[in-house]
N, C-alpha and C. Protein backbone atom coordinates (compact mmCIF):
# COMPACT_ATOMS: atom_id res chain seq x y z
N MET A 1 8.45 -7.66 -42.74
CA MET A 1 7.02 -6.70 -42.13
C MET A 1 7.16 -5.10 -42.80
N SER A 2 6.34 -5.82 -43.86
CA SER A 2 5.49 -5.04 -45.00
C SER A 2 4.34 -4.18 -44.36
N GLN A 3 3.94 -3.99 -42.97
CA GLN A 3 2.91 -3.10 -42.50
C GLN A 3 4.19 -1.74 -42.24
N LYS A 4 3.15 -0.50 -42.55
CA LYS A 4 3.17 0.87 -42.48
C LYS A 4 3.76 0.98 -41.01
N LEU A 5 4.11 1.69 -40.55
CA LEU A 5 4.61 1.98 -39.18
C LEU A 5 3.84 3.81 -38.89
N PRO A 6 3.05 3.55 -37.73
CA PRO A 6 2.36 5.21 -37.94
C PRO A 6 3.56 5.88 -37.55
N LYS A 7 3.17 7.21 -37.75
CA LYS A 7 4.39 8.40 -38.42
C LYS A 7 4.39 9.28 -36.24
N LYS A 8 2.64 9.67 -35.89
CA LYS A 8 2.82 9.99 -34.47
C LYS A 8 3.48 9.01 -33.26
N LEU A 9 3.72 9.59 -32.28
CA LEU A 9 4.08 9.01 -31.29
C LEU A 9 3.00 7.89 -30.75
N PHE A 10 2.34 8.74 -30.37
CA PHE A 10 1.08 7.92 -29.66
C PHE A 10 0.72 7.08 -30.31
N GLN A 11 0.38 6.60 -31.57
CA GLN A 11 -0.19 5.88 -32.74
C GLN A 11 0.95 4.96 -32.49
N PHE A 12 2.18 5.35 -32.53
CA PHE A 12 3.25 4.20 -32.83
C PHE A 12 3.19 3.66 -31.33
N ILE A 13 3.12 3.99 -30.33
CA ILE A 13 3.52 3.63 -29.23
C ILE A 13 2.24 2.43 -28.92
N VAL A 14 0.96 2.91 -29.25
CA VAL A 14 -0.35 2.35 -29.41
C VAL A 14 -0.08 0.55 -30.28
N HIS A 15 0.49 1.29 -31.32
CA HIS A 15 0.28 0.20 -32.58
C HIS A 15 1.22 -1.36 -31.65
N PHE A 16 2.09 -1.06 -31.35
CA PHE A 16 2.92 -2.08 -30.38
C PHE A 16 2.98 -2.48 -29.49
N LEU A 17 1.83 -1.95 -28.46
CA LEU A 17 1.02 -2.13 -27.02
C LEU A 17 -0.13 -2.83 -27.08
N LYS A 18 -0.74 -2.59 -28.24
CA LYS A 18 -1.96 -3.23 -28.49
C LYS A 18 -2.13 -4.81 -28.50
N SER A 19 -0.60 -5.29 -28.64
CA SER A 19 -1.22 -6.97 -28.66
C SER A 19 -1.02 -7.81 -27.22
N TYR A 20 -0.71 -6.64 -26.06
CA TYR A 20 -0.71 -7.26 -24.96
C TYR A 20 -1.28 -6.22 -23.70
N PRO A 21 -3.01 -6.35 -23.74
CA PRO A 21 -3.67 -5.44 -23.29
C PRO A 21 -3.68 -6.23 -21.73
N LEU A 22 -3.76 -7.41 -21.96
CA LEU A 22 -3.88 -7.81 -20.33
C LEU A 22 -2.41 -7.62 -19.92
N ALA A 23 -1.32 -7.56 -19.99
CA ALA A 23 -0.05 -6.91 -19.17
C ALA A 23 -0.12 -5.94 -19.13
N ILE A 24 -0.59 -4.68 -19.90
CA ILE A 24 -0.82 -3.31 -19.86
C ILE A 24 -1.45 -2.88 -18.57
N GLY A 25 -2.97 -3.85 -18.92
CA GLY A 25 -3.48 -3.57 -17.58
C GLY A 25 -3.36 -3.82 -16.32
N GLY A 26 -2.70 -5.26 -16.36
CA GLY A 26 -1.95 -5.54 -14.93
C GLY A 26 -0.85 -4.62 -14.45
N LEU A 27 -0.13 -4.29 -15.28
CA LEU A 27 0.69 -2.67 -14.81
C LEU A 27 0.24 -1.88 -14.47
N ILE A 28 -1.02 -1.46 -15.13
CA ILE A 28 -1.67 0.02 -14.63
C ILE A 28 -2.20 -0.48 -13.28
N GLY A 29 -3.08 -1.70 -12.86
CA GLY A 29 -3.77 -1.84 -11.93
C GLY A 29 -2.11 -2.01 -10.17
N LEU A 30 -1.10 -2.73 -10.88
CA LEU A 30 -0.19 -2.99 -10.02
C LEU A 30 0.32 -1.47 -9.43
N SER A 31 0.45 -0.68 -10.64
CA SER A 31 0.72 1.16 -10.58
C SER A 31 -0.19 1.40 -9.43
N MET A 32 -1.60 1.00 -9.63
CA MET A 32 -2.39 1.89 -8.89
C MET A 32 -2.63 1.17 -7.33
N LEU A 33 -2.23 0.37 -7.08
CA LEU A 33 -2.40 -0.65 -6.06
C LEU A 33 -1.04 0.02 -5.07
N SER A 34 0.30 0.28 -6.04
CA SER A 34 1.55 0.75 -5.15
C SER A 34 1.29 2.10 -4.52
N GLY A 35 0.85 2.97 -5.59
CA GLY A 35 0.30 4.44 -5.29
C GLY A 35 -0.68 4.69 -4.35
N THR A 36 -1.48 3.80 -3.66
CA THR A 36 -2.46 3.40 -2.42
C THR A 36 -1.48 3.94 -1.29
N TYR A 37 0.00 3.38 -0.90
CA TYR A 37 0.74 3.28 0.23
C TYR A 37 1.02 4.18 0.77
N ALA A 38 1.12 5.40 0.05
CA ALA A 38 1.17 6.28 1.17
C ALA A 38 -0.03 7.31 1.98
N THR A 39 -1.10 6.90 0.92
CA THR A 39 -2.52 7.19 1.57
C THR A 39 -2.56 6.35 2.84
N ILE A 40 -2.86 5.15 2.56
CA ILE A 40 -3.44 4.19 3.86
C ILE A 40 -1.99 4.09 4.65
N ASN A 41 -0.75 4.33 4.35
CA ASN A 41 0.07 4.72 5.69
C ASN A 41 0.00 5.89 6.45
N ALA A 42 -0.73 6.88 5.89
CA ALA A 42 -1.35 7.97 6.69
C ALA A 42 -2.40 7.71 7.57
N TYR A 43 -3.30 6.90 6.83
CA TYR A 43 -4.63 6.79 7.65
C TYR A 43 -4.07 5.88 8.75
N LEU A 44 -3.24 4.51 8.56
CA LEU A 44 -3.40 4.03 9.61
C LEU A 44 -2.57 4.82 10.99
N THR A 45 -1.24 5.76 10.52
CA THR A 45 -0.66 6.29 11.64
C THR A 45 -1.80 7.07 12.67
N LYS A 46 -2.90 7.63 11.74
CA LYS A 46 -3.71 8.44 12.24
C LYS A 46 -4.68 7.37 13.43
N VAL A 47 -5.06 6.06 12.65
CA VAL A 47 -5.66 5.02 13.51
C VAL A 47 -5.07 5.09 14.80
N LEU A 48 -3.31 4.63 14.60
CA LEU A 48 -2.43 4.17 15.58
C LEU A 48 -2.67 5.57 16.84
N ILE A 49 -2.45 6.47 16.38
CA ILE A 49 -2.24 7.73 17.66
C ILE A 49 -3.76 7.83 18.19
N ASP A 50 -4.91 8.15 17.39
CA ASP A 50 -6.03 7.35 17.72
C ASP A 50 -6.04 6.70 19.02
N TYR A 51 -6.01 5.44 18.93
CA TYR A 51 -6.32 4.22 19.67
C TYR A 51 -4.96 4.63 20.89
N VAL A 52 -3.68 4.80 20.47
CA VAL A 52 -3.14 5.00 22.18
C VAL A 52 -3.59 6.18 22.92
N ALA A 53 -4.23 7.16 22.10
CA ALA A 53 -4.91 8.01 22.99
C ALA A 53 -6.26 7.97 23.78
N ASN A 54 -6.59 7.04 23.68
CA ASN A 54 -8.05 6.32 24.00
C ASN A 54 -7.55 5.11 25.00
N VAL A 55 -6.65 5.00 24.90
CA VAL A 55 -6.21 3.37 25.53
C VAL A 55 -5.96 3.64 27.19
N GLY A 56 -6.38 2.19 28.33
CA GLY A 56 -6.00 2.91 29.57
C GLY A 56 -4.61 2.70 29.72
N GLN A 57 -4.39 2.67 31.19
CA GLN A 57 -3.30 2.52 31.84
C GLN A 57 -2.33 1.20 31.61
N GLY A 58 -2.98 0.25 31.41
CA GLY A 58 -2.45 -1.32 31.38
C GLY A 58 -1.70 -1.39 30.19
N VAL A 59 -0.70 -2.11 30.43
CA VAL A 59 0.38 -2.54 28.88
C VAL A 59 -0.54 -3.78 27.86
N ASP A 60 -1.26 -4.30 29.02
CA ASP A 60 -2.23 -5.65 28.14
C ASP A 60 -3.05 -4.56 26.96
N ASP A 61 -3.38 -3.43 27.59
CA ASP A 61 -4.57 -2.56 27.01
C ASP A 61 -3.90 -1.79 25.38
N LEU A 62 -2.60 -1.42 25.88
CA LEU A 62 -1.81 -0.82 25.26
C LEU A 62 -1.47 -1.65 23.82
N PHE A 63 -1.05 -2.86 24.31
CA PHE A 63 -0.63 -4.09 23.01
C PHE A 63 -2.42 -4.50 22.76
N LYS A 64 -2.74 -4.57 22.98
CA LYS A 64 -4.25 -4.90 22.35
C LYS A 64 -4.98 -3.77 21.13
N ALA A 65 -4.32 -2.37 21.62
CA ALA A 65 -4.49 -1.52 20.74
C ALA A 65 -3.47 -1.09 19.37
N LEU A 66 -2.54 -1.42 19.95
CA LEU A 66 -1.39 -1.16 18.64
C LEU A 66 -1.32 -2.75 17.64
N LEU A 67 -2.00 -3.63 18.65
CA LEU A 67 -1.58 -5.00 17.22
C LEU A 67 -2.29 -5.08 16.39
N LEU A 68 -3.57 -4.48 15.95
CA LEU A 68 -4.17 -4.42 14.72
C LEU A 68 -3.86 -3.45 13.53
N PRO A 69 -3.43 -2.26 14.13
CA PRO A 69 -2.58 -1.30 13.54
C PRO A 69 -1.45 -1.65 12.97
N ALA A 70 -0.58 -2.24 13.86
CA ALA A 70 0.75 -2.72 13.72
C ALA A 70 0.60 -3.74 12.68
N LEU A 71 -0.61 -4.85 12.46
CA LEU A 71 -0.51 -5.56 11.43
C LEU A 71 -1.02 -5.47 10.12
N PHE A 72 -1.90 -3.90 10.22
CA PHE A 72 -2.36 -3.54 8.83
C PHE A 72 -0.85 -2.86 8.33
N PHE A 73 0.02 -2.41 9.27
CA PHE A 73 1.30 -1.57 8.73
C PHE A 73 2.07 -2.52 7.82
N ILE A 74 2.52 -3.77 8.83
CA ILE A 74 3.11 -4.53 7.64
C ILE A 74 2.07 -5.28 6.22
N VAL A 75 0.94 -5.44 6.23
CA VAL A 75 0.32 -6.09 5.04
C VAL A 75 0.57 -4.92 4.35
N ASN A 76 0.13 -3.63 4.52
CA ASN A 76 0.34 -2.41 3.87
C ASN A 76 1.88 -2.68 3.17
N TYR A 77 2.51 -2.75 4.06
CA TYR A 77 3.84 -2.28 3.65
C TYR A 77 4.43 -3.92 2.51
N GLU A 78 3.93 -5.02 2.65
CA GLU A 78 4.37 -6.02 1.82
C GLU A 78 3.10 -6.09 0.74
N VAL A 79 2.03 -5.78 0.76
CA VAL A 79 1.42 -5.37 -0.58
C VAL A 79 2.36 -4.42 -1.67
N HIS A 80 2.52 -2.89 -1.08
CA HIS A 80 3.46 -2.14 -1.86
C HIS A 80 4.60 -2.93 -2.79
N ASN A 81 5.42 -3.18 -1.39
CA ASN A 81 6.46 -4.07 -2.12
C ASN A 81 6.27 -5.07 -3.04
N LEU A 82 5.39 -5.98 -2.98
CA LEU A 82 5.48 -6.63 -3.92
C LEU A 82 4.34 -6.23 -5.36
N SER A 83 3.33 -5.48 -5.25
CA SER A 83 2.89 -4.48 -6.08
C SER A 83 4.18 -3.70 -6.78
N TRP A 84 5.28 -3.11 -6.21
CA TRP A 84 6.14 -2.77 -6.86
C TRP A 84 7.23 -3.60 -7.48
N ARG A 85 7.47 -4.53 -6.94
CA ARG A 85 8.43 -5.41 -7.45
C ARG A 85 7.84 -6.00 -9.06
N GLY A 86 6.28 -6.11 -8.88
CA GLY A 86 5.42 -6.81 -10.17
C GLY A 86 5.48 -6.02 -11.22
N ILE A 87 5.62 -4.46 -10.97
CA ILE A 87 5.88 -3.30 -11.92
C ILE A 87 7.44 -3.67 -12.53
N GLN A 88 8.53 -3.97 -12.04
CA GLN A 88 9.28 -4.08 -12.35
C GLN A 88 9.49 -5.20 -13.09
């Protein structure tokens, strides 16, 4: 290793990470995807409350109103879980 290493911290880190641009980009993308979990979850809660407030008295109407937001809650959780584990 006859190559001279950089003296400054940021340049030192970049020196070793520049060999892995795809991996670094993937980790940044997974971090951003995982970071959207709370925002999407809050929006889904709002949609769920709006659906329940506007539903009729029947149990079937309530089930139909809750089905789509509940499925999105599950999908949102699983995407968050998989992206978080991908970062690890």
